[in-house]
Each structure stands twice: as structure tokens, then as C-alpha cells.
Amino acid sequence: MPSDALILGKIKNVDCVLLARHGRHHTIMPSNVNYRANIWALKEENCSHVLVTTACGSLREEIQPGDLVIIDQFIDRTTKRHCTLYDGQHSSLSGVCHIPMAEPFCTKTREVLIETAKKLGLQCHSKGTMITIEGPRFSSRAESCMFRLWGADVINMTTVPEVILAKEAGMSYASIAMATDYDCWKEHEEAVSVDKVLKTLKGNANKATSILLTAIPQIGSMEWTNTLHALKKFSSASARSNPNNNANKGPVMISSGLSMISSLGNGYRSLLGGKTLELALLLEEKVLVEYLAAEQDRAGDLHPFKE
């Protein structure tokens, strides 16, 4: 099943779906997140964009704790995760998908996030390479130094396989990485710990929320037809179906509860007018989910979020 119930509503009159990646009480460790179910549930909800937040450690002196990074590349160091919607299993899409990954993140959506951060006066880096490790442990100092030599700028436990699956699904995916610490490579600096991460993350949550609340109406007002068509065409061209399998079979069976969530979402979408542009917010911490939902409730003139 997806990590949590989808929360549907509007932000600045743009249809949105909120989903807490680790569950709203942060009970799912990175290796156990059902990334495929999360992405497929959002796709079934007809989301065109996936905007995500992720806590990360900094591997560069210039990326200080509290800074934001709109990442543009990744290095995969995971070992236990399903990294494709097409893996030959009964519950998956049929065939094989050799998805190119030279440009993993949506350039157009990233540009909106970067410009929004600049307008808000936030300390934000316009590019960076994320290395994703399996976790849940943090890196050793030798590993942290090695990752720096490889060219990684920040480190987390969730970007992979999320970005890959979104690419396969033909969705526009962009990530706001929130630096919380210097991992453990930096001499004379306190090594990363859960307490340190959570303390910095609370401050970063307000910054990420400000970007999202400002960027979402901007995205909603833009023309996306060509971009989304190109993403879907790119995804379709990368897949090779098995003629012996049912061509219409999809990963609806990834979880037994997925069809129920899809039905709930589609019913609520009909109340909202069934618009073709809908944004998914896949969020790192429950504080972001709660803050965004509460922010819209305070606004009064916007649709509240509902499960």
C-alpha cells in the first residue's frame, strides 16, 4: 500500500494531493517505503507533477545546514529497492523499461522552484548531485569522504528509486533538498545525529513550505501541454512490452488497497471539476503535511484538504 492516505484539496486554487513519504507519524524506514505504490497512487489520481521535499546531509562546505538545494542529478547507492514499474512480476506493468536517466529531474519545474526561492530571498543552490544510500544507518567517515570524491553534493535515503519511478510514469518530478548537517566528513564539526537533523529540519520546513505555496500557483498558471506530452512519450518509447502478456495490465495490484484509494480520489476529483493539471506533494516530514493543510484551512477562501 502507499505510505499513507492521500489527502486531496487545493492550494491557491490548484488541485493538489498530499502524501507523507514515511507515513504521517514517520513510522516507515527508507528501505520499506513502497515507492512504487506511492508513485502509482499519484499517477492513478491523474497527478501531472510530483513536487517533493527531502532532508539531506551536505557534502560541500558551501552548502550549509539550513540551505536548500534544487537537485538535478543523483548517484544510486541503494541495494534493496524495486527501481522499476516493469519488473516482470504479475503485479507490475508488462515488459521492460530501459528509461534514459541523463536528466532525471524536470528542468521546467526545477526552474520554477529556483526562481521562487530567489524571489523569497532564501539561501538556495540551483543544482546539486544527490547520492542516495540504503540506510537507515548514516555513513561512515570513509564513505562520506568517498562520496565527496565521486562528485556528490548532498546525501539522503529516498531520492532513489522515487525519481526513477516518476520518470517511468511520465510525471514531472522535482525535489527540494533541505540540508540539515554536514554528514560526518567535516573535521571539527559535530557528526550527523537524529536530534541534529530534526532540529534543523523544523526550520527548513518553513522555507520549503514557503516555496511550495508560492510555486504551486505559478505552476498552475503555466502551459504544460508540450512538457507533459514529451515526458509521456519519452516514457512510452522506453518501454518494451512482452507480447505474451496482457498489454493492458498495470501495477494496480501492487497493493490491495490501491484501487480503493483511486476510487476515493477520482470521486473527489469530479467534485473539483476534473482538471487535467494536478500536483502531488510527496513530503519528507509530517510537519510539512500538517502545516500545508493548516495553512489552507486558515486561508478560508480555499478548499480544505480531505482524505
C-alpha atoms as a PDB file:
ATOM      1  CA  MET A   1       0.000   0.000   0.000  1.00  0.00           C
ATOM      2  CA  PRO A   2       1.052   3.658  -0.295  1.00  0.00           C
ATOM      3  CA  SER A   3       2.740   5.142   2.756  1.00  0.00           C
ATOM      4  CA  ASP A   4      -0.428   6.849   3.947  1.00  0.00           C
ATOM      5  CA  ALA A   5      -3.850   8.003   2.834  1.00  0.00           C
ATOM      6  CA  LEU A   6      -3.851  10.554   0.027  1.00  0.00           C
ATOM      7  CA  ILE A   7      -5.001  13.973   1.213  1.00  0.00           C
ATOM      8  CA  LEU A   8      -6.795  15.883  -1.544  1.00  0.00           C
ATOM      9  CA  GLY A   9      -7.630  19.567  -1.793  1.00  0.00           C
ATOM     10  CA  LYS A  10      -6.480  22.844  -3.305  1.00  0.00           C
ATOM     11  CA  ILE A  11      -3.580  25.214  -2.751  1.00  0.00           C
ATOM     12  CA  LYS A  12      -4.167  28.669  -4.215  1.00  0.00           C
ATOM     13  CA  ASN A  13      -6.946  27.173  -6.374  1.00  0.00           C
ATOM     14  CA  VAL A  14      -4.701  24.434  -7.808  1.00  0.00           C
ATOM     15  CA  ASP A  15      -5.748  20.814  -7.258  1.00  0.00           C
ATOM     16  CA  CYS A  16      -3.182  19.079  -5.039  1.00  0.00           C
ATOM     17  CA  VAL A  17      -2.617  15.738  -3.361  1.00  0.00           C
ATOM     18  CA  LEU A  18      -0.506  15.442  -0.205  1.00  0.00           C
ATOM     19  CA  LEU A  19       1.279  12.226   0.728  1.00  0.00           C
ATOM     20  CA  ALA A  20       3.703  11.699   3.629  1.00  0.00           C
ATOM     21  CA  ARG A  21       6.525   9.544   2.277  1.00  0.00           C
ATOM     22  CA  HIS A  22       7.281   7.815   5.609  1.00  0.00           C
ATOM     23  CA  GLY A  23       3.700   7.957   6.873  1.00  0.00           C
ATOM     24  CA  ARG A  24       2.348  10.874   8.866  1.00  0.00           C
ATOM     25  CA  HIS A  25       3.942   9.543  12.048  1.00  0.00           C
ATOM     26  CA  HIS A  26       7.249   8.734  10.315  1.00  0.00           C
ATOM     27  CA  THR A  27       6.976   5.011  11.040  1.00  0.00           C
ATOM     28  CA  ILE A  28       8.305   3.637   7.723  1.00  0.00           C
ATOM     29  CA  MET A  29      12.071   3.431   7.312  1.00  0.00           C
ATOM     30  CA  PRO A  30      13.545   4.363   3.897  1.00  0.00           C
ATOM     31  CA  SER A  31      14.108   0.782   2.719  1.00  0.00           C
ATOM     32  CA  ASN A  32      10.490  -0.156   3.496  1.00  0.00           C
ATOM     33  CA  VAL A  33       8.745   2.757   1.776  1.00  0.00           C
ATOM     34  CA  ASN A  34       6.560   1.350  -1.005  1.00  0.00           C
ATOM     35  CA  TYR A  35       7.848   3.797  -3.601  1.00  0.00           C
ATOM     36  CA  ARG A  36       6.059   2.042  -6.459  1.00  0.00           C
ATOM     37  CA  ALA A  37       2.692   2.150  -4.700  1.00  0.00           C
ATOM     38  CA  ASN A  38       3.209   5.841  -3.821  1.00  0.00           C
ATOM     39  CA  ILE A  39       4.009   6.874  -7.390  1.00  0.00           C
ATOM     40  CA  TRP A  40       1.306   4.706  -8.910  1.00  0.00           C
ATOM     41  CA  ALA A  41      -1.346   6.005  -6.495  1.00  0.00           C
ATOM     42  CA  LEU A  42      -0.421   9.570  -7.511  1.00  0.00           C
ATOM     43  CA  LYS A  43      -0.487   8.609 -11.193  1.00  0.00           C
ATOM     44  CA  GLU A  44      -3.905   6.977 -10.749  1.00  0.00           C
ATOM     45  CA  GLU A  45      -5.029  10.254  -9.194  1.00  0.00           C
ATOM     46  CA  ASN A  46      -4.026  11.886 -12.523  1.00  0.00           C
ATOM     47  CA  CYS A  47      -1.276  13.976 -10.953  1.00  0.00           C
ATOM     48  CA  SER A  48       0.858  15.621 -13.621  1.00  0.00           C
ATOM     49  CA  HIS A  49       3.638  16.871 -11.322  1.00  0.00           C
ATOM     50  CA  VAL A  50       5.378  15.439  -8.277  1.00  0.00           C
ATOM     51  CA  LEU A  51       6.970  18.068  -6.024  1.00  0.00           C
ATOM     52  CA  VAL A  52       8.933  16.519  -3.186  1.00  0.00           C
ATOM     53  CA  THR A  53      10.879  17.555  -0.117  1.00  0.00           C
ATOM     54  CA  THR A  54      13.751  15.560   1.316  1.00  0.00           C
ATOM     55  CA  ALA A  55      16.072  16.017   4.269  1.00  0.00           C
ATOM     56  CA  CYS A  56      19.736  15.582   3.371  1.00  0.00           C
ATOM     57  CA  GLY A  57      23.277  15.907   4.622  1.00  0.00           C
ATOM     58  CA  SER A  58      25.688  18.322   2.965  1.00  0.00           C
ATOM     59  CA  LEU A  59      28.911  17.055   1.413  1.00  0.00           C
ATOM     60  CA  ARG A  60      30.106  20.551   0.457  1.00  0.00           C
ATOM     61  CA  GLU A  61      31.374  23.412   2.607  1.00  0.00           C
ATOM     62  CA  GLU A  62      29.281  25.932   0.664  1.00  0.00           C
ATOM     63  CA  ILE A  63      26.027  24.040   1.269  1.00  0.00           C
ATOM     64  CA  GLN A  64      25.414  24.943   4.878  1.00  0.00           C
ATOM     65  CA  PRO A  65      22.863  23.396   7.244  1.00  0.00           C
ATOM     66  CA  GLY A  66      19.627  25.282   6.635  1.00  0.00           C
ATOM     67  CA  ASP A  67      20.316  25.763   2.916  1.00  0.00           C
ATOM     68  CA  LEU A  68      18.033  24.381   0.216  1.00  0.00           C
ATOM     69  CA  VAL A  69      19.196  22.600  -2.948  1.00  0.00           C
ATOM     70  CA  ILE A  70      17.114  22.064  -6.097  1.00  0.00           C
ATOM     71  CA  ILE A  71      18.918  18.883  -7.108  1.00  0.00           C
ATOM     72  CA  ASP A  72      19.492  17.990 -10.769  1.00  0.00           C
ATOM     73  CA  GLN A  73      21.406  14.679 -10.632  1.00  0.00           C
ATOM     74  CA  PHE A  74      21.673  11.576  -8.470  1.00  0.00           C
ATOM     75  CA  ILE A  75      24.012   8.678  -7.663  1.00  0.00           C
ATOM     76  CA  ASP A  76      22.359   5.404  -6.620  1.00  0.00           C
ATOM     77  CA  ARG A  77      23.892   3.509  -3.687  1.00  0.00           C
ATOM     78  CA  THR A  78      20.725   1.627  -2.680  1.00  0.00           C
ATOM     79  CA  THR A  79      20.641  -2.174  -2.644  1.00  0.00           C
ATOM     80  CA  LYS A  80      17.189  -3.443  -1.613  1.00  0.00           C
ATOM     81  CA  ARG A  81      14.591  -1.464  -3.578  1.00  0.00           C
ATOM     82  CA  HIS A  82      12.280  -2.014  -6.522  1.00  0.00           C
ATOM     83  CA  CYS A  83      13.536   0.535  -9.062  1.00  0.00           C
ATOM     84  CA  THR A  84      11.069  -0.039 -11.903  1.00  0.00           C
ATOM     85  CA  LEU A  85       7.354  -0.396 -12.510  1.00  0.00           C
ATOM     86  CA  TYR A  86       8.250  -3.050 -15.112  1.00  0.00           C
ATOM     87  CA  ASP A  87       9.929  -5.934 -13.284  1.00  0.00           C
ATOM     88  CA  GLY A  88       8.222  -8.959 -14.850  1.00  0.00           C
ATOM     89  CA  GLN A  89       6.079  -9.709 -11.813  1.00  0.00           C
ATOM     90  CA  HIS A  90       2.337 -10.323 -12.004  1.00  0.00           C
ATOM     91  CA  SER A  91       1.673  -7.100 -10.114  1.00  0.00           C
ATOM     92  CA  SER A  92       3.745  -4.922 -12.468  1.00  0.00           C
ATOM     93  CA  LEU A  93       3.492  -3.410 -15.917  1.00  0.00           C
ATOM     94  CA  SER A  94       4.360  -5.953 -18.586  1.00  0.00           C
ATOM     95  CA  GLY A  95       7.638  -5.775 -20.475  1.00  0.00           C
ATOM     96  CA  VAL A  96      10.890  -3.984 -19.723  1.00  0.00           C
ATOM     97  CA  CYS A  97      11.554  -0.252 -19.461  1.00  0.00           C
ATOM     98  CA  HIS A  98      15.060   0.999 -20.276  1.00  0.00           C
ATOM     99  CA  ILE A  99      14.376   4.570 -19.181  1.00  0.00           C
ATOM    100  CA  PRO A 100      17.187   7.052 -20.013  1.00  0.00           C
ATOM    101  CA  MET A 101      18.298   8.931 -16.923  1.00  0.00           C
ATOM    102  CA  ALA A 102      20.683  11.614 -18.236  1.00  0.00           C
ATOM    103  CA  GLU A 103      18.283  14.314 -16.996  1.00  0.00           C
ATOM    104  CA  PRO A 104      16.384  12.731 -14.087  1.00  0.00           C
ATOM    105  CA  PHE A 105      14.508  15.830 -12.896  1.00  0.00           C
ATOM    106  CA  CYS A 106      12.078  18.038 -14.821  1.00  0.00           C
ATOM    107  CA  THR A 107      14.031  21.116 -15.930  1.00  0.00           C
ATOM    108  CA  LYS A 108      10.977  23.345 -16.329  1.00  0.00           C
ATOM    109  CA  THR A 109       9.608  22.585 -12.865  1.00  0.00           C
ATOM    110  CA  ARG A 110      13.058  22.980 -11.311  1.00  0.00           C
ATOM    111  CA  GLU A 111      13.335  26.446 -12.870  1.00  0.00           C
ATOM    112  CA  VAL A 112      10.080  27.489 -11.223  1.00  0.00           C
ATOM    113  CA  LEU A 113      11.325  26.327  -7.807  1.00  0.00           C
ATOM    114  CA  ILE A 114      14.684  28.078  -8.257  1.00  0.00           C
ATOM    115  CA  GLU A 115      13.109  31.387  -9.298  1.00  0.00           C
ATOM    116  CA  THR A 116      10.618  31.165  -6.444  1.00  0.00           C
ATOM    117  CA  ALA A 117      13.401  30.645  -3.896  1.00  0.00           C
ATOM    118  CA  LYS A 118      15.273  33.653  -5.293  1.00  0.00           C
ATOM    119  CA  LYS A 119      12.179  35.873  -5.048  1.00  0.00           C
ATOM    120  CA  LEU A 120      11.672  34.792  -1.444  1.00  0.00           C
ATOM    121  CA  GLY A 121      15.300  35.608  -0.611  1.00  0.00           C
ATOM    122  CA  LEU A 122      16.095  32.077   0.544  1.00  0.00           C
ATOM    123  CA  GLN A 123      19.576  30.554   0.505  1.00  0.00           C
ATOM    124  CA  CYS A 124      19.048  28.058  -2.302  1.00  0.00           C
ATOM    125  CA  HIS A 125      21.521  26.257  -4.570  1.00  0.00           C
ATOM    126  CA  SER A 126      20.273  25.879  -8.145  1.00  0.00           C
ATOM    127  CA  LYS A 127      21.810  22.457  -8.742  1.00  0.00           C
ATOM    128  CA  GLY A 128      23.421  19.568  -6.934  1.00  0.00           C
ATOM    129  CA  THR A 129      24.052  15.843  -7.140  1.00  0.00           C
ATOM    130  CA  MET A 130      22.237  13.730  -4.562  1.00  0.00           C
ATOM    131  CA  ILE A 131      23.707  10.392  -3.518  1.00  0.00           C
ATOM    132  CA  THR A 132      21.067   8.067  -2.085  1.00  0.00           C
ATOM    133  CA  ILE A 133      22.215   5.400   0.356  1.00  0.00           C
ATOM    134  CA  GLU A 134      20.202   2.449   1.628  1.00  0.00           C
ATOM    135  CA  GLY A 135      20.086   3.454   5.284  1.00  0.00           C
ATOM    136  CA  PRO A 136      18.736   3.515   7.859  1.00  0.00           C
ATOM    137  CA  ARG A 137      22.236   3.982   9.263  1.00  0.00           C
ATOM    138  CA  PHE A 138      24.239   7.098   8.456  1.00  0.00           C
ATOM    139  CA  SER A 139      27.529   6.923   6.534  1.00  0.00           C
ATOM    140  CA  SER A 140      30.917   6.096   7.966  1.00  0.00           C
ATOM    141  CA  ARG A 141      33.501   8.894   7.669  1.00  0.00           C
ATOM    142  CA  ALA A 142      35.338   6.907   4.970  1.00  0.00           C
ATOM    143  CA  GLU A 143      32.126   6.575   2.965  1.00  0.00           C
ATOM    144  CA  SER A 144      31.292  10.250   3.379  1.00  0.00           C
ATOM    145  CA  CYS A 145      34.742  11.265   2.098  1.00  0.00           C
ATOM    146  CA  MET A 146      34.442   8.804  -0.792  1.00  0.00           C
ATOM    147  CA  PHE A 147      31.088  10.246  -1.837  1.00  0.00           C
ATOM    148  CA  ARG A 148      32.673  13.701  -1.957  1.00  0.00           C
ATOM    149  CA  LEU A 149      35.370  12.375  -4.280  1.00  0.00           C
ATOM    150  CA  TRP A 150      32.662  10.907  -6.506  1.00  0.00           C
ATOM    151  CA  GLY A 151      31.183  14.394  -7.011  1.00  0.00           C
ATOM    152  CA  ALA A 152      28.134  14.097  -4.769  1.00  0.00           C
ATOM    153  CA  ASP A 153      26.978  17.344  -3.142  1.00  0.00           C
ATOM    154  CA  VAL A 154      24.273  16.104  -0.771  1.00  0.00           C
ATOM    155  CA  ILE A 155      23.255  12.737   0.672  1.00  0.00           C
ATOM    156  CA  ASN A 156      19.892  11.195   1.587  1.00  0.00           C
ATOM    157  CA  MET A 157      17.975   7.899   1.698  1.00  0.00           C
ATOM    158  CA  THR A 158      14.911   8.485  -0.517  1.00  0.00           C
ATOM    159  CA  THR A 159      15.542  10.134  -3.909  1.00  0.00           C
ATOM    160  CA  VAL A 160      16.155   6.705  -5.460  1.00  0.00           C
ATOM    161  CA  PRO A 161      14.006   4.992  -6.633  1.00  0.00           C
ATOM    162  CA  GLU A 162      11.370   7.724  -6.381  1.00  0.00           C
ATOM    163  CA  VAL A 163      12.725   9.884  -9.218  1.00  0.00           C
ATOM    164  CA  ILE A 164      13.184   6.830 -11.473  1.00  0.00           C
ATOM    165  CA  LEU A 165       9.615   5.619 -10.961  1.00  0.00           C
ATOM    166  CA  ALA A 166       8.193   9.088 -11.617  1.00  0.00           C
ATOM    167  CA  LYS A 167      10.188   9.223 -14.851  1.00  0.00           C
ATOM    168  CA  GLU A 168       8.801   5.843 -15.909  1.00  0.00           C
ATOM    169  CA  ALA A 169       5.305   7.071 -15.091  1.00  0.00           C
ATOM    170  CA  GLY A 170       5.751  10.131 -17.337  1.00  0.00           C
ATOM    171  CA  MET A 171       5.367  12.651 -14.500  1.00  0.00           C
ATOM    172  CA  SER A 172       7.188  15.940 -13.938  1.00  0.00           C
ATOM    173  CA  TYR A 173       9.353  15.366 -10.834  1.00  0.00           C
ATOM    174  CA  ALA A 174      11.335  17.986  -8.909  1.00  0.00           C
ATOM    175  CA  SER A 175      12.863  17.921  -5.448  1.00  0.00           C
ATOM    176  CA  ILE A 176      13.604  20.484  -2.737  1.00  0.00           C
ATOM    177  CA  ALA A 177      16.501  19.070  -0.707  1.00  0.00           C
ATOM    178  CA  MET A 178      16.807  20.517   2.788  1.00  0.00           C
ATOM    179  CA  ALA A 179      20.360  20.374   4.201  1.00  0.00           C
ATOM    180  CA  THR A 180      20.350  19.574   7.916  1.00  0.00           C
ATOM    181  CA  ASP A 181      24.001  18.746   8.687  1.00  0.00           C
ATOM    182  CA  TYR A 182      27.478  18.112   7.244  1.00  0.00           C
ATOM    183  CA  ASP A 183      27.123  14.309   7.407  1.00  0.00           C
ATOM    184  CA  CYS A 184      30.416  13.205   9.067  1.00  0.00           C
ATOM    185  CA  TRP A 185      33.175  14.187   6.608  1.00  0.00           C
ATOM    186  CA  LYS A 186      33.950  17.596   8.050  1.00  0.00           C
ATOM    187  CA  GLU A 187      36.619  17.842  10.724  1.00  0.00           C
ATOM    188  CA  HIS A 188      35.817  19.720  13.949  1.00  0.00           C
ATOM    189  CA  GLU A 189      32.101  19.511  13.124  1.00  0.00           C
ATOM    190  CA  GLU A 190      29.588  17.516  15.136  1.00  0.00           C
ATOM    191  CA  ALA A 191      28.700  14.336  13.220  1.00  0.00           C
ATOM    192  CA  VAL A 192      25.166  13.820  11.983  1.00  0.00           C
ATOM    193  CA  SER A 193      22.595  12.586  14.510  1.00  0.00           C
ATOM    194  CA  VAL A 194      18.819  12.229  14.572  1.00  0.00           C
ATOM    195  CA  ASP A 195      18.456  15.087  17.082  1.00  0.00           C
ATOM    196  CA  LYS A 196      20.544  17.421  14.919  1.00  0.00           C
ATOM    197  CA  VAL A 197      18.607  16.513  11.786  1.00  0.00           C
ATOM    198  CA  LEU A 198      15.217  17.102  13.399  1.00  0.00           C
ATOM    199  CA  LYS A 199      16.264  20.441  14.916  1.00  0.00           C
ATOM    200  CA  THR A 200      17.412  21.870  11.566  1.00  0.00           C
ATOM    201  CA  LEU A 201      14.551  20.260   9.666  1.00  0.00           C
ATOM    202  CA  LYS A 202      11.955  22.195  11.641  1.00  0.00           C
ATOM    203  CA  GLY A 203      13.471  25.470  10.443  1.00  0.00           C
ATOM    204  CA  ASN A 204      13.796  24.191   6.899  1.00  0.00           C
ATOM    205  CA  ALA A 205      10.167  23.099   6.829  1.00  0.00           C
ATOM    206  CA  ASN A 206       9.011  26.721   6.874  1.00  0.00           C
ATOM    207  CA  LYS A 207      11.329  27.556   3.961  1.00  0.00           C
ATOM    208  CA  ALA A 208      10.187  24.584   1.879  1.00  0.00           C
ATOM    209  CA  THR A 209       6.555  25.369   2.620  1.00  0.00           C
ATOM    210  CA  SER A 210       7.037  28.981   1.506  1.00  0.00           C
ATOM    211  CA  ILE A 211       8.500  27.800  -1.800  1.00  0.00           C
ATOM    212  CA  LEU A 212       5.649  25.342  -2.362  1.00  0.00           C
ATOM    213  CA  LEU A 213       2.890  27.816  -1.513  1.00  0.00           C
ATOM    214  CA  THR A 214       4.402  30.368  -3.914  1.00  0.00           C
ATOM    215  CA  ALA A 215       5.440  27.989  -6.701  1.00  0.00           C
ATOM    216  CA  ILE A 216       2.214  25.995  -6.914  1.00  0.00           C
ATOM    217  CA  PRO A 217       0.009  28.820  -8.287  1.00  0.00           C
ATOM    218  CA  GLN A 218       2.827  29.721 -10.678  1.00  0.00           C
ATOM    219  CA  ILE A 219       2.938  26.152 -11.976  1.00  0.00           C
ATOM    220  CA  GLY A 220      -0.844  26.107 -12.181  1.00  0.00           C
ATOM    221  CA  SER A 221      -0.873  29.199 -14.402  1.00  0.00           C
ATOM    222  CA  MET A 222       1.719  27.891 -16.871  1.00  0.00           C
ATOM    223  CA  GLU A 223       1.274  25.954 -20.111  1.00  0.00           C
ATOM    224  CA  TRP A 224       2.439  22.360 -19.638  1.00  0.00           C
ATOM    225  CA  THR A 225       0.945  20.519 -22.596  1.00  0.00           C
ATOM    226  CA  ASN A 226       4.178  20.118 -24.551  1.00  0.00           C
ATOM    227  CA  THR A 227       6.272  19.265 -21.481  1.00  0.00           C
ATOM    228  CA  LEU A 228       3.877  16.602 -20.191  1.00  0.00           C
ATOM    229  CA  HIS A 229       3.376  15.160 -23.671  1.00  0.00           C
ATOM    230  CA  ALA A 230       7.144  14.879 -24.090  1.00  0.00           C
ATOM    231  CA  LEU A 231       7.520  13.148 -20.714  1.00  0.00           C
ATOM    232  CA  LYS A 232       4.816  10.608 -21.502  1.00  0.00           C
ATOM    233  CA  LYS A 233       6.157   9.995 -24.997  1.00  0.00           C
ATOM    234  CA  PHE A 234       9.658   9.577 -23.557  1.00  0.00           C
ATOM    235  CA  SER A 235       8.359   7.036 -21.041  1.00  0.00           C
ATOM    236  CA  SER A 236       6.320   5.089 -23.612  1.00  0.00           C
ATOM    237  CA  ALA A 237       9.234   4.934 -26.058  1.00  0.00           C
ATOM    238  CA  SER A 238      11.453   3.437 -23.339  1.00  0.00           C
ATOM    239  CA  ALA A 239       9.132   0.514 -22.563  1.00  0.00           C
ATOM    240  CA  ARG A 240       9.216  -2.755 -24.448  1.00  0.00           C
ATOM    241  CA  SER A 241       6.104  -4.873 -23.881  1.00  0.00           C
ATOM    242  CA  ASN A 242       6.023  -8.648 -23.745  1.00  0.00           C
ATOM    243  CA  PRO A 243       3.550  -9.775 -26.449  1.00  0.00           C
ATOM    244  CA  ASN A 244       2.691 -12.857 -24.385  1.00  0.00           C
ATOM    245  CA  ASN A 245       1.341 -10.724 -21.532  1.00  0.00           C
ATOM    246  CA  ASN A 246      -1.794  -8.660 -21.275  1.00  0.00           C
ATOM    247  CA  ALA A 247      -0.826  -5.252 -22.697  1.00  0.00           C
ATOM    248  CA  ASN A 248      -3.429  -3.501 -20.550  1.00  0.00           C
ATOM    249  CA  LYS A 249      -2.196  -4.960 -17.289  1.00  0.00           C
ATOM    250  CA  GLY A 250      -0.951  -2.317 -14.880  1.00  0.00           C
ATOM    251  CA  PRO A 251       0.506  -2.226 -11.382  1.00  0.00           C
ATOM    252  CA  VAL A 252      -2.911  -1.762  -9.751  1.00  0.00           C
ATOM    253  CA  MET A 253      -2.190  -4.957  -7.813  1.00  0.00           C
ATOM    254  CA  ILE A 254       0.955  -3.532  -6.192  1.00  0.00           C
ATOM    255  CA  SER A 255      -1.216  -3.174  -3.106  1.00  0.00           C
ATOM    256  CA  SER A 256      -4.652  -4.492  -2.223  1.00  0.00           C
ATOM    257  CA  GLY A 257      -5.781  -1.074  -1.000  1.00  0.00           C
ATOM    258  CA  LEU A 258      -4.683   0.879  -4.074  1.00  0.00           C
ATOM    259  CA  SER A 259      -7.929   0.546  -6.028  1.00  0.00           C
ATOM    260  CA  MET A 260      -9.908   1.806  -3.036  1.00  0.00           C
ATOM    261  CA  ILE A 261      -7.692   4.893  -2.771  1.00  0.00           C
ATOM    262  CA  SER A 262      -8.001   5.508  -6.507  1.00  0.00           C
ATOM    263  CA  SER A 263     -11.792   5.319  -6.348  1.00  0.00           C
ATOM    264  CA  LEU A 264     -11.899   7.759  -3.454  1.00  0.00           C
ATOM    265  CA  GLY A 265      -9.610  10.156  -5.291  1.00  0.00           C
ATOM    266  CA  ASN A 266     -11.488  10.005  -8.587  1.00  0.00           C
ATOM    267  CA  GLY A 267     -14.782  10.691  -6.822  1.00  0.00           C
ATOM    268  CA  TYR A 268     -13.348  13.777  -5.130  1.00  0.00           C
ATOM    269  CA  ARG A 269     -11.789  14.920  -8.401  1.00  0.00           C
ATOM    270  CA  SER A 270     -15.234  15.001 -10.021  1.00  0.00           C
ATOM    271  CA  LEU A 271     -16.326  17.450  -7.316  1.00  0.00           C
ATOM    272  CA  LEU A 272     -13.318  19.627  -8.122  1.00  0.00           C
ATOM    273  CA  GLY A 273     -14.125  19.726 -11.819  1.00  0.00           C
ATOM    274  CA  GLY A 274     -11.726  17.033 -13.072  1.00  0.00           C
ATOM    275  CA  LYS A 275      -8.941  19.424 -14.138  1.00  0.00           C
ATOM    276  CA  THR A 276      -6.069  17.913 -16.092  1.00  0.00           C
ATOM    277  CA  LEU A 277      -3.328  19.637 -14.060  1.00  0.00           C
ATOM    278  CA  GLU A 278      -2.969  18.265 -10.551  1.00  0.00           C
ATOM    279  CA  LEU A 279       0.103  18.485  -8.347  1.00  0.00           C
ATOM    280  CA  ALA A 280       1.335  15.808  -5.967  1.00  0.00           C
ATOM    281  CA  LEU A 281       3.332  16.847  -2.912  1.00  0.00           C
ATOM    282  CA  LEU A 282       5.403  13.945  -1.596  1.00  0.00           C
ATOM    283  CA  LEU A 283       6.692  15.269   1.687  1.00  0.00           C
ATOM    284  CA  GLU A 284       9.532  14.258   3.990  1.00  0.00           C
ATOM    285  CA  GLU A 285       8.088  15.073   7.380  1.00  0.00           C
ATOM    286  CA  LYS A 286       4.626  15.071   8.929  1.00  0.00           C
ATOM    287  CA  VAL A 287       5.182  18.696   9.989  1.00  0.00           C
ATOM    288  CA  LEU A 288       5.050  19.719   6.305  1.00  0.00           C
ATOM    289  CA  VAL A 289       1.815  17.840   5.682  1.00  0.00           C
ATOM    290  CA  GLU A 290       0.198  19.285   8.787  1.00  0.00           C
ATOM    291  CA  TYR A 291       1.472  22.815   8.076  1.00  0.00           C
ATOM    292  CA  LEU A 292       0.253  22.869   4.478  1.00  0.00           C
ATOM    293  CA  ALA A 293      -3.173  21.534   5.400  1.00  0.00           C
ATOM    294  CA  ALA A 294      -3.488  24.004   8.301  1.00  0.00           C
ATOM    295  CA  GLU A 295      -2.299  26.909   6.123  1.00  0.00           C
ATOM    296  CA  GLN A 296      -5.120  26.326   3.674  1.00  0.00           C
ATOM    297  CA  ASP A 297      -7.639  25.957   6.493  1.00  0.00           C
ATOM    298  CA  ARG A 298      -6.584  29.380   7.842  1.00  0.00           C
ATOM    299  CA  ALA A 299      -6.866  30.953   4.387  1.00  0.00           C
ATOM    300  CA  GLY A 300     -10.631  30.462   4.423  1.00  0.00           C
ATOM    301  CA  ASP A 301     -11.237  31.055   0.718  1.00  0.00           C
ATOM    302  CA  LEU A 302      -9.559  27.806  -0.369  1.00  0.00           C
ATOM    303  CA  HIS A 303     -10.843  24.244  -0.432  1.00  0.00           C
ATOM    304  CA  PRO A 304      -9.782  22.334   2.685  1.00  0.00           C
ATOM    305  CA  PHE A 305      -7.861  19.094   2.354  1.00  0.00           C
ATOM    306  CA  LYS A 306      -9.740  15.837   2.820  1.00  0.00           C
ATOM    307  CA  GLU A 307      -8.670  12.218   2.938  1.00  0.00           C
END
